[in-house]
Amino acid sequence: MREWNSQLPPSSLLILGGISFCAAVVWTFIGKTRTRSGWVYRAKEPIVFWLVVATYYIGAFFFVGLYCYKAL
């Protein structure tokens, strides 16, 4: 049986990780993030803001780690 992501090139994981990391860095510096319900500002809702930003950092770490795992 083929893997679910066998059609994707391994570099796509690295690209997704890079995009996720860049988005997290930009949102950290500008102080607002985009969610499904709209914009969340660091000054108004700090806990939600940092949860969203942390999710993007963790996603970037996951995608880059998965890329490194598949490259070996």
Protein backbone atom coordinates (compact mmCIF):
# COMPACT_ATOMS: atom_id res chain seq x y z
CA MET A 1 0.00 0.00 0.00
CA ARG A 2 1.27 3.42 -0.89
CA GLU A 3 1.78 6.13 1.67
CA TRP A 4 -0.70 9.01 1.77
CA ASN A 5 1.96 11.56 0.83
CA SER A 6 3.89 9.51 -1.72
CA GLN A 7 2.85 11.87 -4.54
CA LEU A 8 4.41 14.90 -2.85
CA PRO A 9 8.11 15.60 -3.29
CA PRO A 10 10.03 15.64 0.00
CA SER A 11 10.98 19.27 -0.54
CA SER A 12 7.32 20.25 -0.10
CA LEU A 13 7.66 19.46 3.61
CA LEU A 14 10.61 21.82 3.84
CA ILE A 15 8.69 24.52 1.98
CA LEU A 16 5.69 24.15 4.33
CA GLY A 17 8.00 24.36 7.33
CA GLY A 18 9.63 27.50 5.97
CA ILE A 19 6.30 29.18 5.26
CA SER A 20 5.00 28.29 8.70
CA PHE A 21 8.15 29.60 10.40
CA CYS A 22 8.11 32.84 8.40
CA ALA A 23 4.44 33.41 9.23
CA ALA A 24 5.13 32.85 12.93
CA VAL A 25 8.05 35.29 12.91
CA VAL A 26 6.11 37.98 11.04
CA TRP A 27 3.09 37.64 13.33
CA THR A 28 5.32 37.79 16.39
CA PHE A 29 6.81 41.08 15.22
CA ILE A 30 3.60 42.77 14.05
CA GLY A 31 1.61 41.65 17.09
CA LYS A 32 -1.45 40.26 15.37
CA THR A 33 -2.39 36.87 13.91
CA ARG A 34 -5.04 35.68 11.53
CA THR A 35 -7.51 33.08 12.79
CA ARG A 36 -10.75 31.68 11.42
CA SER A 37 -12.74 34.23 13.40
CA GLY A 38 -10.64 37.24 12.35
CA TRP A 39 -7.56 39.00 13.65
CA VAL A 40 -6.23 38.40 17.17
CA TYR A 41 -4.09 41.16 18.69
CA ARG A 42 -1.28 40.54 21.18
CA ALA A 43 -2.32 43.46 23.39
CA LYS A 44 -6.02 42.50 23.59
CA GLU A 45 -5.87 38.69 23.80
CA PRO A 46 -2.32 37.63 24.68
CA ILE A 47 -3.07 33.99 25.54
CA VAL A 48 -4.89 33.28 22.29
CA PHE A 49 -2.24 35.18 20.33
CA TRP A 50 0.63 33.15 21.76
CA LEU A 51 -1.25 29.86 21.31
CA VAL A 52 -1.74 30.60 17.61
CA VAL A 53 1.88 31.70 17.14
CA ALA A 54 3.17 28.66 19.07
CA THR A 55 1.08 26.42 16.83
CA TYR A 56 2.83 27.82 13.78
CA TYR A 57 6.28 27.41 15.36
CA ILE A 58 5.48 23.81 16.31
CA GLY A 59 4.13 23.17 12.82
CA ALA A 60 7.35 24.49 11.30
CA PHE A 61 9.40 22.28 13.61
CA PHE A 62 7.25 19.27 12.70
CA PHE A 63 7.49 19.80 8.92
CA VAL A 64 11.25 20.36 8.97
CA GLY A 65 11.73 17.36 11.26
CA LEU A 66 9.62 15.18 8.99
CA TYR A 67 11.65 16.36 6.01
CA CYS A 68 14.90 15.46 7.80
CA TYR A 69 13.47 12.07 8.77
CA LYS A 70 12.44 11.27 5.19
CA ALA A 71 15.74 12.53 3.77
CA LEU A 72 17.72 9.97 5.78
